[in-house]
């Protein structure tokens, strides 16, 4: 008997309670959540890059952040 492959998931299944809370948000609250998530992502990437390149000036560091996002596409 052949074993079935175990499915791999890229993401965890959605939390139904969280989904229900998100459905109650207004459009402007949805946008604010997205902007907050973007700010967090940029901050994490900037922090990682600033540790990797401690002598890089802020304008060059910002360029590296943009490069990182462009590579992710």
N, C-alpha and C. Protein backbone atom coordinates (compact mmCIF):
# COMPACT_ATOMS: atom_id res chain seq x y z
N UNK A 1 0.85 -1.16 0.00
CA UNK A 1 0.00 0.00 0.00
C UNK A 1 0.90 1.24 0.00
N UNK A 2 0.59 2.17 -0.90
CA UNK A 2 1.41 3.37 -1.07
C UNK A 2 0.97 4.46 -0.10
N UNK A 3 1.94 5.06 0.56
CA UNK A 3 1.63 6.13 1.52
C UNK A 3 1.28 7.41 0.77
N UNK A 4 0.26 8.07 1.27
CA UNK A 4 -0.12 9.35 0.66
C UNK A 4 0.85 10.43 1.13
N UNK A 5 1.22 11.33 0.22
CA UNK A 5 2.12 12.41 0.66
C UNK A 5 1.39 13.34 1.63
N UNK A 6 2.14 13.82 2.59
CA UNK A 6 1.58 14.74 3.57
C UNK A 6 1.51 16.12 2.93
N UNK A 7 0.32 16.74 2.91
CA UNK A 7 0.25 18.05 2.27
C UNK A 7 1.05 19.09 3.06
N UNK A 8 1.69 19.97 2.33
CA UNK A 8 2.41 21.06 2.98
C UNK A 8 1.61 22.33 2.81
N UNK A 9 1.53 23.08 3.86
CA UNK A 9 0.76 24.32 3.84
C UNK A 9 1.72 25.50 3.90
N UNK A 10 1.42 26.48 3.12
CA UNK A 10 2.25 27.68 3.13
C UNK A 10 1.86 28.58 4.30
N UNK A 11 0.59 28.58 4.65
CA UNK A 11 0.09 29.41 5.74
C UNK A 11 -0.75 28.55 6.68
N UNK A 12 -0.85 29.00 7.92
CA UNK A 12 -1.74 28.32 8.86
C UNK A 12 -3.18 28.61 8.45
N UNK A 13 -4.10 27.73 8.82
CA UNK A 13 -5.51 28.01 8.50
C UNK A 13 -5.96 29.28 9.22
N UNK A 14 -6.92 29.99 8.63
CA UNK A 14 -7.35 31.25 9.25
C UNK A 14 -8.02 31.02 10.60
N UNK A 15 -7.83 31.97 11.47
CA UNK A 15 -8.49 31.97 12.77
C UNK A 15 -9.87 32.59 12.56
N UNK A 16 -10.91 31.79 12.68
CA UNK A 16 -12.27 32.24 12.38
C UNK A 16 -12.67 33.43 13.25
N UNK A 17 -12.32 33.42 14.52
CA UNK A 17 -12.66 34.54 15.39
C UNK A 17 -11.98 35.82 14.90
N UNK A 18 -10.72 35.71 14.47
CA UNK A 18 -10.00 36.88 13.95
C UNK A 18 -10.63 37.37 12.65
N UNK A 19 -11.03 36.44 11.79
CA UNK A 19 -11.68 36.81 10.54
C UNK A 19 -12.98 37.56 10.82
N UNK A 20 -13.74 37.09 11.77
CA UNK A 20 -15.00 37.77 12.12
C UNK A 20 -14.75 39.17 12.66
N UNK A 21 -13.69 39.34 13.45
CA UNK A 21 -13.35 40.68 13.93
C UNK A 21 -12.95 41.60 12.78
N UNK A 22 -12.16 41.07 11.86
CA UNK A 22 -11.71 41.88 10.73
C UNK A 22 -12.87 42.28 9.82
N UNK A 23 -13.87 41.42 9.71
CA UNK A 23 -15.03 41.74 8.88
C UNK A 23 -15.80 42.93 9.40
N UNK A 24 -15.68 43.21 10.69
CA UNK A 24 -16.42 44.31 11.30
C UNK A 24 -15.71 45.66 11.14
N UNK A 25 -14.48 45.65 10.64
CA UNK A 25 -13.75 46.90 10.49
C UNK A 25 -14.30 47.73 9.33
N UNK A 26 -14.21 49.02 9.48
CA UNK A 26 -14.59 49.92 8.39
C UNK A 26 -13.48 49.89 7.33
N UNK A 27 -13.75 50.36 6.12
CA UNK A 27 -12.69 50.41 5.11
C UNK A 27 -11.46 51.20 5.57
N UNK A 28 -11.67 52.32 6.25
CA UNK A 28 -10.51 53.09 6.71
C UNK A 28 -9.72 52.33 7.77
N UNK A 29 -10.40 51.54 8.60
CA UNK A 29 -9.69 50.72 9.59
C UNK A 29 -8.89 49.61 8.91
N UNK A 30 -9.44 49.05 7.82
CA UNK A 30 -8.70 48.04 7.05
C UNK A 30 -7.41 48.65 6.49
N UNK A 31 -7.54 49.83 5.91
CA UNK A 31 -6.37 50.49 5.34
C UNK A 31 -5.35 50.79 6.42
N UNK A 32 -5.80 51.25 7.57
CA UNK A 32 -4.87 51.54 8.66
C UNK A 32 -4.14 50.28 9.11
N UNK A 33 -4.83 49.17 9.16
CA UNK A 33 -4.18 47.89 9.52
C UNK A 33 -3.10 47.53 8.51
N UNK A 34 -3.41 47.72 7.21
CA UNK A 34 -2.42 47.43 6.16
C UNK A 34 -1.21 48.35 6.29
N UNK A 35 -1.45 49.63 6.55
CA UNK A 35 -0.34 50.56 6.70
C UNK A 35 0.50 50.22 7.93
N UNK A 36 -0.13 49.81 9.00
CA UNK A 36 0.60 49.40 10.20
C UNK A 36 1.46 48.17 9.92
N UNK A 37 0.90 47.21 9.17
CA UNK A 37 1.66 46.00 8.84
C UNK A 37 2.84 46.33 7.94
N UNK A 38 2.63 47.26 6.99
CA UNK A 38 3.73 47.68 6.11
C UNK A 38 4.83 48.36 6.93
N UNK A 39 4.44 49.22 7.84
CA UNK A 39 5.42 49.92 8.68
C UNK A 39 6.23 48.92 9.51
N UNK A 40 5.57 47.91 10.03
CA UNK A 40 6.28 46.88 10.80
C UNK A 40 7.27 46.13 9.91
N UNK A 41 6.82 45.74 8.70
CA UNK A 41 7.69 45.00 7.79
C UNK A 41 8.91 45.83 7.40
N UNK A 42 8.69 47.10 7.06
CA UNK A 42 9.80 47.97 6.68
C UNK A 42 10.76 48.15 7.86
N UNK A 43 10.23 48.33 9.05
CA UNK A 43 11.07 48.50 10.23
C UNK A 43 11.92 47.26 10.52
N UNK A 44 11.32 46.08 10.35
CA UNK A 44 12.08 44.85 10.58
C UNK A 44 13.19 44.69 9.55
N UNK A 45 12.87 44.97 8.30
CA UNK A 45 13.88 44.86 7.24
C UNK A 45 14.97 45.89 7.45
N UNK A 46 14.59 47.13 7.76
CA UNK A 46 15.58 48.19 8.00
C UNK A 46 16.49 47.81 9.17
N UNK A 47 15.93 47.25 10.23
CA UNK A 47 16.74 46.83 11.38
C UNK A 47 17.72 45.74 11.02
N UNK A 48 17.25 44.76 10.25
CA UNK A 48 18.15 43.68 9.82
C UNK A 48 19.27 44.22 8.95
N UNK A 49 18.93 45.11 8.02
CA UNK A 49 19.95 45.66 7.13
C UNK A 49 20.92 46.58 7.86
N UNK A 50 20.42 47.31 8.86
CA UNK A 50 21.33 48.22 9.59
C UNK A 50 22.34 47.42 10.42
N UNK A 51 21.97 46.24 10.86
CA UNK A 51 22.94 45.38 11.56
C UNK A 51 23.94 44.80 10.58
N UNK A 52 23.46 44.48 9.38
CA UNK A 52 24.33 43.90 8.37
C UNK A 52 25.29 44.93 7.79
N UNK A 53 24.82 46.18 7.65
CA UNK A 53 25.62 47.27 7.09
C UNK A 53 25.64 48.44 8.08
N UNK A 54 26.36 48.32 9.18
CA UNK A 54 26.30 49.35 10.23
C UNK A 54 26.82 50.73 9.80
N UNK A 55 27.68 50.79 8.80
CA UNK A 55 28.25 52.08 8.39
C UNK A 55 27.50 52.72 7.22
N UNK A 56 26.41 52.12 6.80
CA UNK A 56 25.67 52.65 5.66
C UNK A 56 24.86 53.88 6.08
N UNK A 57 24.97 54.99 5.32
CA UNK A 57 24.17 56.17 5.67
C UNK A 57 22.67 55.91 5.47
N UNK A 58 21.80 56.66 6.14
CA UNK A 58 20.36 56.40 6.09
C UNK A 58 19.77 56.37 4.68
N UNK A 59 20.23 57.25 3.79
CA UNK A 59 19.66 57.26 2.43
C UNK A 59 20.01 55.98 1.68
N UNK A 60 21.22 55.48 1.87
CA UNK A 60 21.63 54.22 1.22
C UNK A 60 20.91 53.03 1.87
N UNK A 61 20.68 53.11 3.17
CA UNK A 61 19.95 52.06 3.87
C UNK A 61 18.52 51.98 3.33
N UNK A 62 17.89 53.14 3.13
CA UNK A 62 16.54 53.16 2.56
C UNK A 62 16.53 52.55 1.16
N UNK A 63 17.58 52.81 0.38
CA UNK A 63 17.68 52.22 -0.95
C UNK A 63 17.77 50.69 -0.85
N UNK A 64 18.52 50.21 0.12
CA UNK A 64 18.62 48.76 0.34
C UNK A 64 17.26 48.16 0.72
N UNK A 65 16.48 48.89 1.51
CA UNK A 65 15.13 48.42 1.88
C UNK A 65 14.29 48.27 0.62
N UNK A 66 14.32 49.27 -0.24
CA UNK A 66 13.56 49.22 -1.49
C UNK A 66 14.04 48.05 -2.36
N UNK A 67 15.34 47.86 -2.44
CA UNK A 67 15.88 46.72 -3.20
C UNK A 67 15.34 45.39 -2.65
N UNK A 68 15.26 45.29 -1.34
CA UNK A 68 14.76 44.05 -0.72
C UNK A 68 13.32 43.80 -1.12
N UNK A 69 12.49 44.84 -1.09
CA UNK A 69 11.09 44.67 -1.50
C UNK A 69 10.99 44.33 -2.97
N UNK A 70 11.82 44.93 -3.81
CA UNK A 70 11.77 44.64 -5.24
C UNK A 70 12.17 43.20 -5.54
N UNK A 71 13.13 42.68 -4.79
CA UNK A 71 13.55 41.27 -5.00
C UNK A 71 12.46 40.31 -4.59
N UNK A 72 11.61 40.71 -3.65
CA UNK A 72 10.57 39.81 -3.14
C UNK A 72 9.43 39.61 -4.13
N UNK A 73 9.34 40.45 -5.13
CA UNK A 73 8.23 40.34 -6.09
C UNK A 73 8.34 39.17 -6.98
